[in-house]
Amino acid sequence: MSDLNYTTYVTRLANMFPISSEDANFQTFIPDNINYAEQRNYRELDLIAVQVTDATTQTSSGNRDFILPTGLGTFITVDQINLITPALRLVEVPTAQVQADEATGSSPV
């Protein structure tokens, strides 16, 4: 597979499907397929070069929503969220939606 370039990739992909490589649906599928493969590689490999750290976002008391910022890059997988207060830093632990509802006594809006 060392001879794989865009042209040979499209040809090999077209041979795997019962559809012509000239078909409009196939042509729109190719960029999405490449993007999916690239993003999966980033997620699976966890490369240092694609790690993003952002300390500029703020949260509000009583609000469970948090919007991931995009100013420094795109977050593919969130590894860790820290809640920083004037007194301490709290590392947030991933939890199930049901458990969060039980702990806070409410459900998301």
C-alpha atoms as a PDB file:
ATOM      1  CA  MET A   1       0.000   0.000   0.000  1.00  0.00           C
ATOM      2  CA  SER A   2       3.004   2.307  -0.208  1.00  0.00           C
ATOM      3  CA  ASP A   3       1.834   3.452  -3.639  1.00  0.00           C
ATOM      4  CA  LEU A   4      -1.360   4.922  -2.216  1.00  0.00           C
ATOM      5  CA  ASN A   5      -2.124   8.474  -3.306  1.00  0.00           C
ATOM      6  CA  TYR A   6      -5.422  10.270  -3.856  1.00  0.00           C
ATOM      7  CA  THR A   7      -6.005   8.778  -7.317  1.00  0.00           C
ATOM      8  CA  THR A   8      -5.237   5.196  -6.297  1.00  0.00           C
ATOM      9  CA  TYR A   9      -7.251   5.679  -3.084  1.00  0.00           C
ATOM     10  CA  VAL A  10     -10.338   6.741  -5.064  1.00  0.00           C
ATOM     11  CA  THR A  11      -9.882   3.844  -7.471  1.00  0.00           C
ATOM     12  CA  ARG A  12      -9.513   1.265  -4.707  1.00  0.00           C
ATOM     13  CA  LEU A  13     -12.451   2.702  -2.796  1.00  0.00           C
ATOM     14  CA  ALA A  14     -14.623   2.644  -5.924  1.00  0.00           C
ATOM     15  CA  ASN A  15     -13.725  -1.016  -6.460  1.00  0.00           C
ATOM     16  CA  MET A  16     -15.049  -1.828  -2.979  1.00  0.00           C
ATOM     17  CA  PHE A  17     -18.520  -0.383  -3.686  1.00  0.00           C
ATOM     18  CA  PRO A  18     -21.055  -1.275  -6.376  1.00  0.00           C
ATOM     19  CA  ILE A  19     -21.088   2.336  -7.540  1.00  0.00           C
ATOM     20  CA  SER A  20     -19.195   4.270 -10.189  1.00  0.00           C
ATOM     21  CA  SER A  21     -16.413   6.586  -9.051  1.00  0.00           C
ATOM     22  CA  GLU A  22     -18.031   9.249 -11.246  1.00  0.00           C
ATOM     23  CA  ASP A  23     -21.316   9.089  -9.297  1.00  0.00           C
ATOM     24  CA  ALA A  24     -22.157  12.383  -7.538  1.00  0.00           C
ATOM     25  CA  ASN A  25     -22.895  10.614  -4.245  1.00  0.00           C
ATOM     26  CA  PHE A  26     -19.530   8.878  -4.376  1.00  0.00           C
ATOM     27  CA  GLN A  27     -17.764  12.170  -5.087  1.00  0.00           C
ATOM     28  CA  THR A  28     -19.341  13.834  -2.022  1.00  0.00           C
ATOM     29  CA  PHE A  29     -18.565  10.759   0.092  1.00  0.00           C
ATOM     30  CA  ILE A  30     -14.793  10.895  -0.510  1.00  0.00           C
ATOM     31  CA  PRO A  31     -13.967  14.099   1.459  1.00  0.00           C
ATOM     32  CA  ASP A  32     -16.180  12.979   4.355  1.00  0.00           C
ATOM     33  CA  ASN A  33     -14.488   9.586   4.358  1.00  0.00           C
ATOM     34  CA  ILE A  34     -11.007  11.125   4.448  1.00  0.00           C
ATOM     35  CA  ASN A  35     -12.029  13.530   7.214  1.00  0.00           C
ATOM     36  CA  TYR A  36     -13.503  10.680   9.264  1.00  0.00           C
ATOM     37  CA  ALA A  37     -10.299   8.652   8.906  1.00  0.00           C
ATOM     38  CA  GLU A  38      -8.109  11.598   9.904  1.00  0.00           C
ATOM     39  CA  GLN A  39     -10.219  12.411  12.954  1.00  0.00           C
ATOM     40  CA  ARG A  40     -10.221   8.779  14.017  1.00  0.00           C
ATOM     41  CA  ASN A  41      -6.436   8.693  13.772  1.00  0.00           C
ATOM     42  CA  TYR A  42      -6.210  11.790  15.970  1.00  0.00           C
ATOM     43  CA  ARG A  43      -8.540  10.231  18.560  1.00  0.00           C
ATOM     44  CA  GLU A  44      -6.892   6.826  18.584  1.00  0.00           C
ATOM     45  CA  LEU A  45      -3.260   7.961  18.519  1.00  0.00           C
ATOM     46  CA  ASP A  46      -3.693  10.810  21.042  1.00  0.00           C
ATOM     47  CA  LEU A  47      -0.852  12.781  19.451  1.00  0.00           C
ATOM     48  CA  ILE A  48       0.785  15.537  21.485  1.00  0.00           C
ATOM     49  CA  ALA A  49       0.672  17.870  18.487  1.00  0.00           C
ATOM     50  CA  VAL A  50      -3.144  17.854  18.491  1.00  0.00           C
ATOM     51  CA  GLN A  51      -3.583  18.442  22.224  1.00  0.00           C
ATOM     52  CA  VAL A  52      -5.277  21.737  23.055  1.00  0.00           C
ATOM     53  CA  THR A  53      -5.192  23.447  26.436  1.00  0.00           C
ATOM     54  CA  ASP A  54      -7.488  26.397  27.053  1.00  0.00           C
ATOM     55  CA  ALA A  55      -7.793  28.267  30.346  1.00  0.00           C
ATOM     56  CA  THR A  56      -9.917  31.150  29.091  1.00  0.00           C
ATOM     57  CA  THR A  57     -13.442  29.776  29.494  1.00  0.00           C
ATOM     58  CA  GLN A  58     -15.575  30.511  32.517  1.00  0.00           C
ATOM     59  CA  THR A  59     -18.463  28.651  34.096  1.00  0.00           C
ATOM     60  CA  SER A  60     -21.488  29.957  35.971  1.00  0.00           C
ATOM     61  CA  SER A  61     -22.818  28.755  39.292  1.00  0.00           C
ATOM     62  CA  GLY A  62     -25.948  26.662  38.877  1.00  0.00           C
ATOM     63  CA  ASN A  63     -25.458  26.231  35.132  1.00  0.00           C
ATOM     64  CA  ARG A  64     -24.584  22.696  33.960  1.00  0.00           C
ATOM     65  CA  ASP A  65     -23.860  23.731  30.390  1.00  0.00           C
ATOM     66  CA  PHE A  66     -20.321  24.289  29.180  1.00  0.00           C
ATOM     67  CA  ILE A  67     -19.401  25.261  25.637  1.00  0.00           C
ATOM     68  CA  LEU A  68     -16.004  24.068  24.480  1.00  0.00           C
ATOM     69  CA  PRO A  69     -14.036  27.043  23.152  1.00  0.00           C
ATOM     70  CA  THR A  70     -12.636  26.911  19.622  1.00  0.00           C
ATOM     71  CA  GLY A  71     -10.239  29.863  19.668  1.00  0.00           C
ATOM     72  CA  LEU A  72      -7.130  27.720  20.196  1.00  0.00           C
ATOM     73  CA  GLY A  73      -8.170  24.674  18.190  1.00  0.00           C
ATOM     74  CA  THR A  74     -10.846  22.045  17.813  1.00  0.00           C
ATOM     75  CA  PHE A  75     -11.415  19.646  20.673  1.00  0.00           C
ATOM     76  CA  ILE A  76     -11.600  16.110  19.310  1.00  0.00           C
ATOM     77  CA  THR A  77     -11.604  14.242  22.616  1.00  0.00           C
ATOM     78  CA  VAL A  78     -11.841  15.896  26.021  1.00  0.00           C
ATOM     79  CA  ASP A  79      -9.296  14.293  28.323  1.00  0.00           C
ATOM     80  CA  GLN A  80      -9.741  16.425  31.401  1.00  0.00           C
ATOM     81  CA  ILE A  81     -11.689  19.408  32.695  1.00  0.00           C
ATOM     82  CA  ASN A  82     -10.485  21.320  35.737  1.00  0.00           C
ATOM     83  CA  LEU A  83     -12.603  23.757  37.710  1.00  0.00           C
ATOM     84  CA  ILE A  84     -10.285  26.452  39.049  1.00  0.00           C
ATOM     85  CA  THR A  85     -11.440  28.640  41.924  1.00  0.00           C
ATOM     86  CA  PRO A  86      -9.455  31.293  43.823  1.00  0.00           C
ATOM     87  CA  ALA A  87      -8.755  28.731  46.544  1.00  0.00           C
ATOM     88  CA  LEU A  88      -8.246  25.423  44.714  1.00  0.00           C
ATOM     89  CA  ARG A  89      -8.322  23.399  41.533  1.00  0.00           C
ATOM     90  CA  LEU A  90     -10.912  20.636  41.170  1.00  0.00           C
ATOM     91  CA  VAL A  91     -10.431  17.903  38.591  1.00  0.00           C
ATOM     92  CA  GLU A  92     -13.817  17.008  37.177  1.00  0.00           C
ATOM     93  CA  VAL A  93     -14.530  13.284  36.901  1.00  0.00           C
ATOM     94  CA  PRO A  94     -16.556  11.871  33.985  1.00  0.00           C
ATOM     95  CA  THR A  95     -19.883  10.548  35.197  1.00  0.00           C
ATOM     96  CA  ALA A  96     -23.126   9.216  33.807  1.00  0.00           C
ATOM     97  CA  GLN A  97     -26.021  11.602  33.152  1.00  0.00           C
ATOM     98  CA  VAL A  98     -28.193   9.756  35.685  1.00  0.00           C
ATOM     99  CA  GLN A  99     -25.551  10.112  38.387  1.00  0.00           C
ATOM    100  CA  ALA A 100     -25.161  13.833  37.690  1.00  0.00           C
ATOM    101  CA  ASP A 101     -28.939  14.278  37.944  1.00  0.00           C
ATOM    102  CA  GLU A 102     -28.991  12.456  41.293  1.00  0.00           C
ATOM    103  CA  ALA A 103     -26.067  14.447  42.694  1.00  0.00           C
ATOM    104  CA  THR A 104     -27.449  17.852  41.736  1.00  0.00           C
ATOM    105  CA  GLY A 105     -31.137  17.144  42.205  1.00  0.00           C
ATOM    106  CA  SER A 106     -31.961  18.437  38.764  1.00  0.00           C
ATOM    107  CA  SER A 107     -31.835  17.485  35.129  1.00  0.00           C
ATOM    108  CA  PRO A 108     -30.442  19.481  32.197  1.00  0.00           C
ATOM    109  CA  VAL A 109     -32.739  21.862  30.387  1.00  0.00           C
END
